[in-house]
PDB file of N, CA and C in Angstrom:
ATOM      1  N   UNK A   1     107.785  90.958 129.130  1.00  0.00           N
ATOM      2  CA  UNK A   1     106.678  91.861 129.361  1.00  0.00           C
ATOM      3  C   UNK A   1     107.236  93.201 129.828  1.00  0.00           C
ATOM      4  N   UNK A   2     106.547  94.252 129.455  1.00  0.00           N
ATOM      5  CA  UNK A   2     106.976  95.588 129.879  1.00  0.00           C
ATOM      6  C   UNK A   2     105.812  96.556 129.764  1.00  0.00           C
ATOM      7  N   UNK A   3     105.923  97.628 130.512  1.00  0.00           N
ATOM      8  CA  UNK A   3     104.905  98.665 130.465  1.00  0.00           C
ATOM      9  C   UNK A   3     105.525  99.994 130.867  1.00  0.00           C
ATOM     10  N   UNK A   4     105.155 101.049 130.147  1.00  0.00           N
ATOM     11  CA  UNK A   4     105.576 102.400 130.500  1.00  0.00           C
ATOM     12  C   UNK A   4     104.429 103.042 131.272  1.00  0.00           C
ATOM     13  N   UNK A   5     104.668 103.348 132.548  1.00  0.00           N
ATOM     14  CA  UNK A   5     103.670 104.021 133.376  1.00  0.00           C
ATOM     15  C   UNK A   5     103.671 105.523 133.136  1.00  0.00           C
ATOM     16  N   UNK A   6     104.859 106.059 132.899  1.00  0.00           N
ATOM     17  CA  UNK A   6     105.044 107.500 132.740  1.00  0.00           C
ATOM     18  C   UNK A   6     106.060 107.762 131.656  1.00  0.00           C
ATOM     19  N   UNK A   7     105.793 108.591 130.679  1.00  0.00           N
ATOM     20  CA  UNK A   7     104.605 109.390 130.464  1.00  0.00           C
ATOM     21  C   UNK A   7     103.460 108.542 129.904  1.00  0.00           C
ATOM     22  N   UNK A   8     102.248 109.053 130.033  1.00  0.00           N
ATOM     23  CA  UNK A   8     101.066 108.376 129.512  1.00  0.00           C
ATOM     24  C   UNK A   8     101.067 108.419 127.985  1.00  0.00           C
ATOM     25  N   UNK A   9     100.300 107.565 127.377  1.00  0.00           N
ATOM     26  CA  UNK A   9     100.145 107.558 125.917  1.00  0.00           C
ATOM     27  C   UNK A   9      99.617 108.917 125.473  1.00  0.00           C
ATOM     28  N   UNK A  10     100.200 109.436 124.428  1.00  0.00           N
ATOM     29  CA  UNK A  10      99.849 110.740 123.849  1.00  0.00           C
ATOM     30  C   UNK A  10     100.130 111.917 124.784  1.00  0.00           C
ATOM     31  N   UNK A  11     100.953 111.707 125.797  1.00  0.00           N
ATOM     32  CA  UNK A  11     101.283 112.797 126.727  1.00  0.00           C
ATOM     33  C   UNK A  11     102.068 113.891 126.022  1.00  0.00           C
ATOM     34  N   UNK A  12     101.865 115.099 126.487  1.00  0.00           N
ATOM     35  CA  UNK A  12     102.658 116.236 126.030  1.00  0.00           C
ATOM     36  C   UNK A  12     103.810 116.370 127.016  1.00  0.00           C
ATOM     37  N   UNK A  13     105.053 116.270 126.527  1.00  0.00           N
ATOM     38  CA  UNK A  13     106.224 116.275 127.400  1.00  0.00           C
ATOM     39  C   UNK A  13     107.202 117.358 126.965  1.00  0.00           C
ATOM     40  N   UNK A  14     107.993 117.877 127.919  1.00  0.00           N
ATOM     41  CA  UNK A  14     109.066 118.808 127.538  1.00  0.00           C
ATOM     42  C   UNK A  14     110.203 118.034 126.873  1.00  0.00           C
ATOM     43  N   UNK A  15     111.212 118.747 126.404  1.00  0.00           N
ATOM     44  CA  UNK A  15     112.313 118.063 125.717  1.00  0.00           C
ATOM     45  C   UNK A  15     113.165 117.211 126.648  1.00  0.00           C
ATOM     46  N   UNK A  16     113.093 117.453 127.953  1.00  0.00           N
ATOM     47  CA  UNK A  16     113.744 116.582 128.945  1.00  0.00           C
ATOM     48  C   UNK A  16     112.636 116.059 129.855  1.00  0.00           C
ATOM     49  N   UNK A  17     112.511 114.738 129.935  1.00  0.00           N
ATOM     50  CA  UNK A  17     111.419 114.148 130.698  1.00  0.00           C
ATOM     51  C   UNK A  17     111.821 112.796 131.277  1.00  0.00           C
ATOM     52  N   UNK A  18     111.039 112.322 132.244  1.00  0.00           N
ATOM     53  CA  UNK A  18     111.302 111.028 132.888  1.00  0.00           C
ATOM     54  C   UNK A  18     110.405 109.950 132.298  1.00  0.00           C
ATOM     55  N   UNK A  19     110.974 108.771 132.152  1.00  0.00           N
ATOM     56  CA  UNK A  19     110.232 107.580 131.741  1.00  0.00           C
ATOM     57  C   UNK A  19     110.315 106.608 132.901  1.00  0.00           C
ATOM     58  N   UNK A  20     109.186 106.003 133.264  1.00  0.00           N
ATOM     59  CA  UNK A  20     109.167 105.033 134.357  1.00  0.00           C
ATOM     60  C   UNK A  20     108.172 103.934 134.030  1.00  0.00           C
ATOM     61  N   UNK A  21     108.438 102.750 134.527  1.00  0.00           N
ATOM     62  CA  UNK A  21     107.549 101.620 134.302  1.00  0.00           C
ATOM     63  C   UNK A  21     108.125 100.350 134.877  1.00  0.00           C
ATOM     64  N   UNK A  22     107.777  99.237 134.281  1.00  0.00           N
ATOM     65  CA  UNK A  22     108.284  97.948 134.745  1.00  0.00           C
ATOM     66  C   UNK A  22     108.528  97.038 133.543  1.00  0.00           C
ATOM     67  N   UNK A  23     109.409  96.052 133.751  1.00  0.00           N
ATOM     68  CA  UNK A  23     109.726  95.085 132.695  1.00  0.00           C
ATOM     69  C   UNK A  23     110.286  93.819 133.337  1.00  0.00           C
ATOM     70  N   UNK A  24     109.968  92.685 132.740  1.00  0.00           N
ATOM     71  CA  UNK A  24     110.551  91.428 133.217  1.00  0.00           C
ATOM     72  C   UNK A  24     110.666  90.427 132.078  1.00  0.00           C
ATOM     73  N   UNK A  25     111.509  89.423 132.282  1.00  0.00           N
ATOM     74  CA  UNK A  25     111.697  88.349 131.302  1.00  0.00           C
ATOM     75  C   UNK A  25     111.744  87.029 132.051  1.00  0.00           C
ATOM     76  N   UNK A  26     110.737  86.213 131.799  1.00  0.00           N
ATOM     77  CA  UNK A  26     110.650  84.931 132.500  1.00  0.00           C
ATOM     78  C   UNK A  26     111.900  84.084 132.295  1.00  0.00           C
ATOM     79  N   UNK A  27     112.239  83.364 133.339  1.00  0.00           N
ATOM     80  CA  UNK A  27     113.349  82.417 133.290  1.00  0.00           C
ATOM     81  C   UNK A  27     114.700  83.019 133.595  1.00  0.00           C
ATOM     82  N   UNK A  28     115.047  84.118 132.933  1.00  0.00           N
ATOM     83  CA  UNK A  28     116.409  84.642 133.045  1.00  0.00           C
ATOM     84  C   UNK A  28     116.513  86.037 133.632  1.00  0.00           C
ATOM     85  N   UNK A  29     115.463  86.838 133.534  1.00  0.00           N
ATOM     86  CA  UNK A  29     115.527  88.224 133.996  1.00  0.00           C
ATOM     87  C   UNK A  29     116.166  89.122 132.960  1.00  0.00           C
ATOM     88  N   UNK A  30     116.225  90.397 133.300  1.00  0.00           N
ATOM     89  CA  UNK A  30     116.759  91.397 132.380  1.00  0.00           C
ATOM     90  C   UNK A  30     118.110  91.919 132.839  1.00  0.00           C
ATOM     91  N   UNK A  31     118.979  92.131 131.879  1.00  0.00           N
ATOM     92  CA  UNK A  31     120.276  92.740 132.135  1.00  0.00           C
ATOM     93  C   UNK A  31     120.185  94.260 132.014  1.00  0.00           C
ATOM     94  N   UNK A  32     119.344  94.746 131.072  1.00  0.00           N
ATOM     95  CA  UNK A  32     119.242  96.183 130.842  1.00  0.00           C
ATOM     96  C   UNK A  32     117.922  96.530 130.173  1.00  0.00           C
ATOM     97  N   UNK A  33     117.500  97.774 130.406  1.00  0.00           N
ATOM     98  CA  UNK A  33     116.333  98.341 129.739  1.00  0.00           C
ATOM     99  C   UNK A  33     116.786  99.648 129.089  1.00  0.00           C
ATOM    100  N   UNK A  34     116.633  99.740 127.784  1.00  0.00           N
ATOM    101  CA  UNK A  34     116.952 100.959 127.053  1.00  0.00           C
ATOM    102  C   UNK A  34     115.654 101.637 126.645  1.00  0.00           C
ATOM    103  N   UNK A  35     115.656 102.952 126.678  1.00  0.00           N
ATOM    104  CA  UNK A  35     114.530 103.738 126.189  1.00  0.00           C
ATOM    105  C   UNK A  35     114.884 104.201 124.788  1.00  0.00           C
ATOM    106  N   UNK A  36     113.919 104.081 123.862  1.00  0.00           N
ATOM    107  CA  UNK A  36     114.143 104.526 122.495  1.00  0.00           C
ATOM    108  C   UNK A  36     113.149 105.627 122.134  1.00  0.00           C
ATOM    109  N   UNK A  37     113.548 106.455 121.202  1.00  0.00           N
ATOM    110  CA  UNK A  37     112.680 107.491 120.663  1.00  0.00           C
ATOM    111  C   UNK A  37     112.787 107.388 119.144  1.00  0.00           C
ATOM    112  N   UNK A  38     111.676 107.121 118.497  1.00  0.00           N
ATOM    113  CA  UNK A  38     111.652 106.878 117.049  1.00  0.00           C
ATOM    114  C   UNK A  38     112.640 105.779 116.656  1.00  0.00           C
ATOM    115  N   UNK A  39     112.741 104.768 117.516  1.00  0.00           N
ATOM    116  CA  UNK A  39     113.597 103.616 117.243  1.00  0.00           C
ATOM    117  C   UNK A  39     115.059 103.791 117.592  1.00  0.00           C
ATOM    118  N   UNK A  40     115.458 104.969 118.036  1.00  0.00           N
ATOM    119  CA  UNK A  40     116.862 105.231 118.380  1.00  0.00           C
ATOM    120  C   UNK A  40     117.041 105.210 119.897  1.00  0.00           C
ATOM    121  N   UNK A  41     118.076 104.544 120.408  1.00  0.00           N
ATOM    122  CA  UNK A  41     118.288 104.549 121.863  1.00  0.00           C
ATOM    123  C   UNK A  41     118.626 105.951 122.362  1.00  0.00           C
ATOM    124  N   UNK A  42     117.933 106.377 123.428  1.00  0.00           N
ATOM    125  CA  UNK A  42     118.166 107.710 123.979  1.00  0.00           C
ATOM    126  C   UNK A  42     118.538 107.677 125.457  1.00  0.00           C
ATOM    127  N   UNK A  43     118.351 106.533 126.126  1.00  0.00           N
ATOM    128  CA  UNK A  43     118.694 106.455 127.547  1.00  0.00           C
ATOM    129  C   UNK A  43     118.733 105.002 127.999  1.00  0.00           C
ATOM    130  N   UNK A  44     119.630 104.735 128.934  1.00  0.00           N
ATOM    131  CA  UNK A  44     119.636 103.431 129.599  1.00  0.00           C
ATOM    132  C   UNK A  44     118.985 103.646 130.960  1.00  0.00           C
ATOM    133  N   UNK A  45     117.961 102.878 131.236  1.00  0.00           N
ATOM    134  CA  UNK A  45     117.188 103.054 132.464  1.00  0.00           C
ATOM    135  C   UNK A  45     117.899 102.441 133.662  1.00  0.00           C
ATOM    136  N   UNK A  46     117.698 103.053 134.819  1.00  0.00           N
ATOM    137  CA  UNK A  46     118.083 102.421 136.078  1.00  0.00           C
ATOM    138  C   UNK A  46     117.020 101.350 136.325  1.00  0.00           C
ATOM    139  N   UNK A  47     117.447 100.144 136.628  1.00  0.00           N
ATOM    140  CA  UNK A  47     116.533  99.001 136.740  1.00  0.00           C
ATOM    141  C   UNK A  47     116.677  98.346 138.099  1.00  0.00           C
ATOM    142  N   UNK A  48     115.566  97.851 138.650  1.00  0.00           N
ATOM    143  CA  UNK A  48     115.618  97.099 139.892  1.00  0.00           C
ATOM    144  C   UNK A  48     114.810  97.704 141.025  1.00  0.00           C
ATOM    145  N   UNK A  49     113.929  98.658 140.707  1.00  0.00           N
ATOM    146  CA  UNK A  49     113.074  99.247 141.733  1.00  0.00           C
ATOM    147  C   UNK A  49     111.915  98.297 142.035  1.00  0.00           C
ATOM    148  N   UNK A  50     111.509  98.239 143.280  1.00  0.00           N
ATOM    149  CA  UNK A  50     110.420  97.339 143.679  1.00  0.00           C
ATOM    150  C   UNK A  50     109.109  97.779 143.044  1.00  0.00           C
ATOM    151  N   UNK A  51     108.444  96.836 142.401  1.00  0.00           N
ATOM    152  CA  UNK A  51     107.101  97.024 141.847  1.00  0.00           C
ATOM    153  C   UNK A  51     106.390  95.679 141.961  1.00  0.00           C
ATOM    154  N   UNK A  52     105.499  95.557 142.911  1.00  0.00           N
ATOM    155  CA  UNK A  52     104.803  94.291 143.174  1.00  0.00           C
ATOM    156  C   UNK A  52     103.582  94.079 142.282  1.00  0.00           C
ATOM    157  N   UNK A  53     103.073  95.141 141.668  1.00  0.00           N
ATOM    158  CA  UNK A  53     101.850  95.055 140.876  1.00  0.00           C
ATOM    159  C   UNK A  53     101.847  94.007 139.776  1.00  0.00           C
ATOM    160  N   UNK A  54     102.834  93.989 138.889  1.00  0.00           N
ATOM    161  CA  UNK A  54     102.791  93.021 137.790  1.00  0.00           C
ATOM    162  C   UNK A  54     102.726  91.565 138.249  1.00  0.00           C
ATOM    163  N   UNK A  55     103.343  91.243 139.367  1.00  0.00           N
ATOM    164  CA  UNK A  55     103.334  89.852 139.836  1.00  0.00           C
ATOM    165  C   UNK A  55     101.929  89.416 140.266  1.00  0.00           C
ATOM    166  N   UNK A  56     101.073  90.377 140.618  1.00  0.00           N
ATOM    167  CA  UNK A  56      99.688  90.045 140.952  1.00  0.00           C
ATOM    168  C   UNK A  56      98.940  89.557 139.717  1.00  0.00           C
ATOM    169  N   UNK A  57      99.282  90.113 138.539  1.00  0.00           N
ATOM    170  CA  UNK A  57      98.635  89.717 137.293  1.00  0.00           C
ATOM    171  C   UNK A  57      99.325  88.535 136.617  1.00  0.00           C
ATOM    172  N   UNK A  58     100.600  88.366 136.867  1.00  0.00           N
ATOM    173  CA  UNK A  58     101.373  87.258 136.299  1.00  0.00           C
ATOM    174  C   UNK A  58     102.036  86.473 137.432  1.00  0.00           C
ATOM    175  N   UNK A  59     101.240  85.837 138.295  1.00  0.00           N
ATOM    176  CA  UNK A  59     101.827  85.149 139.461  1.00  0.00           C
ATOM    177  C   UNK A  59     102.709  83.959 139.095  1.00  0.00           C
ATOM    178  N   UNK A  60     102.567  83.449 137.881  1.00  0.00           N
ATOM    179  CA  UNK A  60     103.387  82.309 137.467  1.00  0.00           C
ATOM    180  C   UNK A  60     104.685  82.752 136.791  1.00  0.00           C
ATOM    181  N   UNK A  61     104.947  84.060 136.769  1.00  0.00           N
ATOM    182  CA  UNK A  61     106.179  84.550 136.165  1.00  0.00           C
ATOM    183  C   UNK A  61     107.387  83.953 136.890  1.00  0.00           C
ATOM    184  N   UNK A  62     108.376  83.583 136.106  1.00  0.00           N
ATOM    185  CA  UNK A  62     109.587  82.976 136.668  1.00  0.00           C
ATOM    186  C   UNK A  62     110.796  83.889 136.593  1.00  0.00           C
ATOM    187  N   UNK A  63     110.561  85.191 136.370  1.00  0.00           N
ATOM    188  CA  UNK A  63     111.682  86.135 136.379  1.00  0.00           C
ATOM    189  C   UNK A  63     112.276  86.149 137.782  1.00  0.00           C
ATOM    190  N   UNK A  64     113.583  85.900 137.909  1.00  0.00           N
ATOM    191  CA  UNK A  64     114.204  85.824 139.236  1.00  0.00           C
ATOM    192  C   UNK A  64     114.282  87.164 139.967  1.00  0.00           C
ATOM    193  N   UNK A  65     113.989  88.260 139.287  1.00  0.00           N
ATOM    194  CA  UNK A  65     114.122  89.580 139.910  1.00  0.00           C
ATOM    195  C   UNK A  65     112.851  90.094 140.586  1.00  0.00           C
ATOM    196  N   UNK A  66     111.722  89.411 140.411  1.00  0.00           N
ATOM    197  CA  UNK A  66     110.490  89.872 141.067  1.00  0.00           C
ATOM    198  C   UNK A  66     110.745  90.061 142.546  1.00  0.00           C
ATOM    199  N   UNK A  67     110.325  91.137 143.169  1.00  0.00           N
ATOM    200  CA  UNK A  67     109.525  92.253 142.661  1.00  0.00           C
ATOM    201  C   UNK A  67     110.367  93.439 142.196  1.00  0.00           C
ATOM    202  N   UNK A  68     111.664  93.275 142.044  1.00  0.00           N
ATOM    203  CA  UNK A  68     112.545  94.386 141.644  1.00  0.00           C
ATOM    204  C   UNK A  68     112.620  94.485 140.121  1.00  0.00           C
ATOM    205  N   UNK A  69     111.497  94.876 139.518  1.00  0.00           N
ATOM    206  CA  UNK A  69     111.395  94.941 138.059  1.00  0.00           C
ATOM    207  C   UNK A  69     111.045  96.342 137.547  1.00  0.00           C
ATOM    208  N   UNK A  70     111.047  97.338 138.429  1.00  0.00           N
ATOM    209  CA  UNK A  70     110.741  98.708 138.019  1.00  0.00           C
ATOM    210  C   UNK A  70     111.948  99.382 137.396  1.00  0.00           C
ATOM    211  N   UNK A  71     111.694 100.328 136.515  1.00  0.00           N
ATOM    212  CA  UNK A  71     112.786 101.100 135.905  1.00  0.00           C
ATOM    213  C   UNK A  71     112.420 102.581 135.857  1.00  0.00           C
ATOM    214  N   UNK A  72     113.467 103.405 135.757  1.00  0.00           N
ATOM    215  CA  UNK A  72     113.337 104.862 135.593  1.00  0.00           C
ATOM    216  C   UNK A  72     114.472 105.338 134.699  1.00  0.00           C
ATOM    217  N   UNK A  73     114.152 106.329 133.877  1.00  0.00           N
ATOM    218  CA  UNK A  73     115.176 106.897 132.995  1.00  0.00           C
ATOM    219  C   UNK A  73     114.872 108.363 132.741  1.00  0.00           C
ATOM    220  N   UNK A  74     115.921 109.128 132.578  1.00  0.00           N
ATOM    221  CA  UNK A  74     115.811 110.527 132.170  1.00  0.00           C
ATOM    222  C   UNK A  74     116.101 110.576 130.675  1.00  0.00           C
ATOM    223  N   UNK A  75     115.233 111.211 129.912  1.00  0.00           N
ATOM    224  CA  UNK A  75     115.409 111.315 128.465  1.00  0.00           C
ATOM    225  C   UNK A  75     115.613 112.781 128.090  1.00  0.00           C
ATOM    226  N   UNK A  76     116.679 113.030 127.330  1.00  0.00           N
ATOM    227  CA  UNK A  76     116.920 114.359 126.780  1.00  0.00           C
ATOM    228  C   UNK A  76     116.619 114.279 125.284  1.00  0.00           C
ATOM    229  N   UNK A  77     115.462 114.804 124.904  1.00  0.00           N
ATOM    230  CA  UNK A  77     115.029 114.751 123.507  1.00  0.00           C
ATOM    231  C   UNK A  77     115.205 116.090 122.808  1.00  0.00           C
ATOM    232  N   UNK A  78     116.118 116.912 123.310  1.00  0.00           N
ATOM    233  CA  UNK A  78     116.306 118.243 122.730  1.00  0.00           C
ATOM    234  C   UNK A  78     116.806 118.191 121.281  1.00  0.00           C
ATOM    235  N   UNK A  79     117.391 117.081 120.859  1.00  0.00           N
ATOM    236  CA  UNK A  79     117.844 116.943 119.473  1.00  0.00           C
ATOM    237  C   UNK A  79     116.707 116.554 118.533  1.00  0.00           C
ATOM    238  N   UNK A  80     115.536 116.261 119.078  1.00  0.00           N
ATOM    239  CA  UNK A  80     114.383 115.875 118.277  1.00  0.00           C
ATOM    240  C   UNK A  80     113.480 117.088 118.057  1.00  0.00           C
ATOM    241  N   UNK A  81     112.887 117.170 116.892  1.00  0.00           N
ATOM    242  CA  UNK A  81     111.975 118.280 116.574  1.00  0.00           C
ATOM    243  C   UNK A  81     110.728 118.204 117.454  1.00  0.00           C
ATOM    244  N   UNK A  82     110.139 119.335 117.773  1.00  0.00           N
ATOM    245  CA  UNK A  82     108.869 119.314 118.493  1.00  0.00           C
ATOM    246  C   UNK A  82     107.821 118.547 117.677  1.00  0.00           C
ATOM    247  N   UNK A  83     106.860 117.972 118.382  1.00  0.00           N
ATOM    248  CA  UNK A  83     105.786 117.249 117.708  1.00  0.00           C
ATOM    249  C   UNK A  83     105.703 115.805 118.149  1.00  0.00           C
ATOM    250  N   UNK A  84     104.992 115.014 117.371  1.00  0.00           N
ATOM    251  CA  UNK A  84     104.726 113.617 117.717  1.00  0.00           C
ATOM    252  C   UNK A  84     105.937 112.732 117.447  1.00  0.00           C
ATOM    253  N   UNK A  85     106.221 111.868 118.437  1.00  0.00           N
ATOM    254  CA  UNK A  85     107.320 110.900 118.339  1.00  0.00           C
ATOM    255  C   UNK A  85     106.879 109.596 118.979  1.00  0.00           C
ATOM    256  N   UNK A  86     107.675 108.554 118.762  1.00  0.00           N
ATOM    257  CA  UNK A  86     107.343 107.229 119.270  1.00  0.00           C
ATOM    258  C   UNK A  86     108.342 106.805 120.339  1.00  0.00           C
ATOM    259  N   UNK A  87     107.826 106.581 121.545  1.00  0.00           N
ATOM    260  CA  UNK A  87     108.611 106.180 122.705  1.00  0.00           C
ATOM    261  C   UNK A  87     108.546 104.666 122.843  1.00  0.00           C
ATOM    262  N   UNK A  88     109.698 104.021 122.942  1.00  0.00           N
ATOM    263  CA  UNK A  88     109.731 102.564 123.033  1.00  0.00           C
ATOM    264  C   UNK A  88     110.752 102.070 124.040  1.00  0.00           C
ATOM    265  N   UNK A  89     110.799 100.761 124.185  1.00  0.00           N
ATOM    266  CA  UNK A  89     111.742 100.097 125.086  1.00  0.00           C
ATOM    267  C   UNK A  89     112.475  99.002 124.321  1.00  0.00           C
ATOM    268  N   UNK A  90     113.726  98.821 124.656  1.00  0.00           N
ATOM    269  CA  UNK A  90     114.533  97.714 124.144  1.00  0.00           C
ATOM    270  C   UNK A  90     114.996  96.939 125.366  1.00  0.00           C
ATOM    271  N   UNK A  91     114.526  95.702 125.488  1.00  0.00           N
ATOM    272  CA  UNK A  91     114.817  94.872 126.665  1.00  0.00           C
ATOM    273  C   UNK A  91     115.957  93.914 126.355  1.00  0.00           C
ATOM    274  N   UNK A  92     116.985  93.937 127.205  1.00  0.00           N
ATOM    275  CA  UNK A  92     118.154  93.064 127.048  1.00  0.00           C
ATOM    276  C   UNK A  92     118.088  91.971 128.110  1.00  0.00           C
ATOM    277  N   UNK A  93     117.834  90.740 127.674  1.00  0.00           N
ATOM    278  CA  UNK A  93     117.766  89.609 128.601  1.00  0.00           C
ATOM    279  C   UNK A  93     119.144  89.142 129.026  1.00  0.00           C
ATOM    280  N   UNK A  94     119.198  88.531 130.186  1.00  0.00           N
ATOM    281  CA  UNK A  94     120.478  87.963 130.665  1.00  0.00           C
ATOM    282  C   UNK A  94     120.942  86.785 129.818  1.00  0.00           C
ATOM    283  N   UNK A  95     120.065  86.308 128.942  1.00  0.00           N
ATOM    284  CA  UNK A  95     120.430  85.208 128.045  1.00  0.00           C
ATOM    285  C   UNK A  95     120.976  85.726 126.711  1.00  0.00           C
ATOM    286  N   UNK A  96     121.183  87.053 126.595  1.00  0.00           N
ATOM    287  CA  UNK A  96     121.706  87.638 125.376  1.00  0.00           C
ATOM    288  C   UNK A  96     120.630  88.089 124.395  1.00  0.00           C
ATOM    289  N   UNK A  97     119.384  87.804 124.691  1.00  0.00           N
ATOM    290  CA  UNK A  97     118.304  88.211 123.784  1.00  0.00           C
ATOM    291  C   UNK A  97     118.064  89.713 123.869  1.00  0.00           C
ATOM    292  N   UNK A  98     117.563  90.278 122.782  1.00  0.00           N
ATOM    293  CA  UNK A  98     117.186  91.694 122.732  1.00  0.00           C
ATOM    294  C   UNK A  98     115.786  91.752 122.131  1.00  0.00           C
ATOM    295  N   UNK A  99     114.876  92.407 122.839  1.00  0.00           N
ATOM    296  CA  UNK A  99     113.490  92.468 122.393  1.00  0.00           C
ATOM    297  C   UNK A  99     113.019  93.911 122.344  1.00  0.00           C
ATOM    298  N   UNK A 100     112.472  94.304 121.201  1.00  0.00           N
ATOM    299  CA  UNK A 100     111.873  95.631 121.050  1.00  0.00           C
ATOM    300  C   UNK A 100     110.451  95.544 121.585  1.00  0.00           C
ATOM    301  N   UNK A 101     110.068  96.493 122.419  1.00  0.00           N
ATOM    302  CA  UNK A 101     108.724  96.499 122.968  1.00  0.00           C
ATOM    303  C   UNK A 101     107.878  97.523 122.223  1.00  0.00           C
ATOM    304  N   UNK A 102     106.580  97.349 122.268  1.00  0.00           N
ATOM    305  CA  UNK A 102     105.654  98.240 121.557  1.00  0.00           C
ATOM    306  C   UNK A 102     105.910  99.703 121.902  1.00  0.00           C
ATOM    307  N   UNK A 103     105.809 100.550 120.898  1.00  0.00           N
ATOM    308  CA  UNK A 103     106.016 101.983 121.088  1.00  0.00           C
ATOM    309  C   UNK A 103     104.688 102.676 121.379  1.00  0.00           C
ATOM    310  N   UNK A 104     104.785 103.799 122.092  1.00  0.00           N
ATOM    311  CA  UNK A 104     103.617 104.643 122.345  1.00  0.00           C
ATOM    312  C   UNK A 104     103.937 106.053 121.877  1.00  0.00           C
ATOM    313  N   UNK A 105     102.917 106.771 121.486  1.00  0.00           N
ATOM    314  CA  UNK A 105     103.154 108.123 120.987  1.00  0.00           C
ATOM    315  C   UNK A 105     103.234 109.131 122.123  1.00  0.00           C
ATOM    316  N   UNK A 106     104.093 110.123 121.924  1.00  0.00           N
ATOM    317  CA  UNK A 106     104.204 111.266 122.835  1.00  0.00           C
ATOM    318  C   UNK A 106     104.329 112.519 121.981  1.00  0.00           C
ATOM    319  N   UNK A 107     104.050 113.645 122.590  1.00  0.00           N
ATOM    320  CA  UNK A 107     104.151 114.933 121.892  1.00  0.00           C
ATOM    321  C   UNK A 107     105.187 115.785 122.608  1.00  0.00           C
ATOM    322  N   UNK A 108     106.330 116.005 121.941  1.00  0.00           N
ATOM    323  CA  UNK A 108     107.398 116.820 122.535  1.00  0.00           C
ATOM    324  C   UNK A 108     107.115 118.286 122.234  1.00  0.00           C
ATOM    325  N   UNK A 109     107.170 119.106 123.268  1.00  0.00           N
ATOM    326  CA  UNK A 109     106.969 120.552 123.084  1.00  0.00           C
ATOM    327  C   UNK A 109     108.113 121.296 123.715  1.00  0.00           C
ATOM    328  N   UNK A 110     108.298 122.526 123.325  1.00  0.00           N
ATOM    329  CA  UNK A 110     109.368 123.352 123.879  1.00  0.00           C
ATOM    330  C   UNK A 110     108.774 124.549 124.588  1.00  0.00           C
TER     331      UNK A 110
END
């Protein structure tokens, strides 16, 4: 499970912006969270910030890292053309799995 809190869906962002949210993987936890733009990796997020909210909705989650499931990343999208792009997450489980998470649209402006 994962969610991007910032930026919001369809947000207008500068070419350098912050991505923040939470992610977890039941049973094994996550080794890494990558941020993607149009399917290409653009940043590796810092992971392990306290976020208690998701556990309230998924109290049966068995991710060993709860409540340290928050992430933050700085994205430099200056190599991307202005306009609409797709922001996504690539979750790397401690079991070796890699999962692409749903993308959301953003509008890069200069």
